Amino acid sequence: MNFSESLKKNHQFQFVYQNGKSYADKYLVMYVMENGTDRNRIGISVSKKVGNSVVRHRVKRLVHENYRLQEAVFNSGLDIVVVARQRTASADYYQVGKSLLHIAKLHRIINM
């Protein structure tokens, strides 16, 4: 990812949850907050309710890859936390990508 870093620490996720704005659809929930830098930071959260570790990791890879390929379209200077819902476990690559872009349009954080 050329323009992005990862959110890794729990306090970073909690700060975005508490101070960010959220939108959701049937597959994903996205929290967005400005971070004051010129780079995006993205964190992906998949609960144990979604499935076992294999399923959770697959969902995380789908979200991460869709973001990586569309990264240049997103505005800079944002902290983004993507939370996968239970339905995401049965979703395919294209459904996850469509969901990610749809929520980004709701947040008005993409240049399309």
Protein backbone atom coordinates (compact mmCIF):
# COMPACT_ATOMS: atom_id res chain seq x y z
CA MET A 1 0.00 0.00 0.00
CA ASN A 2 1.69 3.12 -1.24
CA PHE A 3 -0.38 5.76 0.53
CA SER A 4 -1.49 3.96 3.66
CA GLU A 5 -0.32 2.53 6.94
CA SER A 6 -2.05 0.17 9.36
CA LEU A 7 -3.80 0.87 12.61
CA LYS A 8 -2.37 -1.71 14.99
CA LYS A 9 -2.98 -0.73 18.59
CA ASN A 10 -6.28 -1.09 20.43
CA HIS A 11 -6.21 2.54 21.59
CA GLN A 12 -5.95 3.69 17.96
CA PHE A 13 -9.06 1.70 17.04
CA GLN A 14 -10.92 2.94 20.13
CA PHE A 15 -10.08 6.57 19.32
CA VAL A 16 -11.56 6.21 15.82
CA TYR A 17 -14.64 4.40 17.18
CA GLN A 18 -15.30 7.18 19.70
CA ASN A 19 -14.49 10.22 17.55
CA GLY A 20 -15.13 9.06 14.00
CA LYS A 21 -18.29 9.07 11.91
CA SER A 22 -19.76 5.74 10.84
CA TYR A 23 -21.82 4.42 7.95
CA ALA A 24 -22.82 0.84 7.27
CA ASP A 25 -24.39 -1.51 4.77
CA LYS A 26 -25.18 -5.21 4.96
CA TYR A 27 -21.54 -6.34 4.74
CA LEU A 28 -19.36 -3.66 6.33
CA VAL A 29 -19.32 -0.82 8.82
CA MET A 30 -16.80 1.98 8.22
CA TYR A 31 -15.61 4.54 10.76
CA VAL A 32 -13.73 7.53 9.35
CA MET A 33 -11.87 10.35 11.09
CA GLU A 34 -9.28 12.86 9.91
CA ASN A 35 -5.80 12.22 11.29
CA GLY A 36 -3.95 15.43 10.38
CA THR A 37 -1.29 13.76 8.21
CA ASP A 38 -0.96 13.24 4.48
CA ARG A 39 -1.34 9.45 4.74
CA ASN A 40 -4.28 7.19 5.43
CA ARG A 41 -4.23 4.66 8.23
CA ILE A 42 -6.53 1.68 7.87
CA GLY A 43 -7.59 -0.93 10.38
CA ILE A 44 -9.74 -3.97 9.70
CA SER A 45 -11.71 -5.65 12.46
CA VAL A 46 -13.38 -9.05 12.13
CA SER A 47 -15.18 -10.45 15.17
CA LYS A 48 -15.25 -14.10 16.21
CA LYS A 49 -18.97 -13.97 15.48
CA VAL A 50 -18.11 -13.94 11.76
CA GLY A 51 -16.57 -17.41 11.84
CA ASN A 52 -13.49 -19.41 12.71
CA SER A 53 -9.97 -18.10 12.16
CA VAL A 54 -9.84 -19.25 8.53
CA VAL A 55 -13.04 -17.39 7.67
CA ARG A 56 -12.02 -14.27 9.60
CA HIS A 57 -8.65 -14.14 7.88
CA ARG A 58 -10.27 -14.60 4.45
CA VAL A 59 -12.64 -11.69 5.14
CA LYS A 60 -9.73 -9.55 6.29
CA ARG A 61 -7.76 -10.37 3.13
CA LEU A 62 -10.77 -9.51 0.93
CA VAL A 63 -11.22 -6.10 2.54
CA HIS A 64 -7.49 -5.38 2.53
CA GLU A 65 -7.03 -6.32 -1.13
CA ASN A 66 -10.06 -4.33 -2.26
CA TYR A 67 -8.76 -1.29 -0.39
CA ARG A 68 -5.23 -1.78 -1.78
CA LEU A 69 -6.45 -1.82 -5.37
CA GLN A 70 -8.68 1.26 -4.88
CA GLU A 71 -6.28 3.10 -2.58
CA ALA A 72 -5.48 5.89 -5.05
CA VAL A 73 -9.18 6.83 -5.21
CA PHE A 74 -9.44 7.54 -1.46
CA ASN A 75 -8.74 11.00 -0.03
CA SER A 76 -5.60 11.38 2.09
CA GLY A 77 -5.25 12.15 5.78
CA LEU A 78 -7.84 9.73 7.15
CA ASP A 79 -8.04 7.06 9.81
CA ILE A 80 -10.35 4.34 8.51
CA VAL A 81 -11.62 1.38 10.51
CA VAL A 82 -13.58 -1.26 8.60
CA VAL A 83 -15.65 -3.69 10.66
CA ALA A 84 -16.92 -6.83 8.94
CA ARG A 85 -20.43 -8.04 9.68
CA GLN A 86 -21.50 -11.70 9.84
CA ARG A 87 -22.87 -11.67 6.29
CA THR A 88 -19.39 -10.90 4.98
CA ALA A 89 -18.36 -14.50 5.66
CA SER A 90 -20.48 -15.67 2.72
CA ALA A 91 -19.70 -12.69 0.46
CA ASP A 92 -17.36 -12.91 -2.49
CA TYR A 93 -14.58 -10.58 -3.59
CA TYR A 94 -16.79 -8.37 -5.76
CA GLN A 95 -19.51 -7.94 -3.16
CA VAL A 96 -16.94 -6.83 -0.57
CA GLY A 97 -15.36 -4.40 -3.05
CA LYS A 98 -18.71 -2.94 -4.03
CA SER A 99 -19.64 -2.56 -0.37
CA LEU A 100 -16.35 -0.82 0.47
CA LEU A 101 -16.75 1.71 -2.35
CA HIS A 102 -20.43 2.28 -1.53
CA ILE A 103 -19.68 3.17 2.08
CA ALA A 104 -16.74 5.35 1.00
CA LYS A 105 -19.13 7.28 -1.26
CA LEU A 106 -21.49 7.78 1.68
CA HIS A 107 -18.58 9.23 3.67
CA ARG A 108 -17.57 11.35 0.65
CA ILE A 109 -13.95 10.23 0.95
CA ILE A 110 -13.33 9.04 -2.60
CA ASN A 111 -12.51 10.97 -5.75
CA MET A 112 -14.74 9.48 -8.45
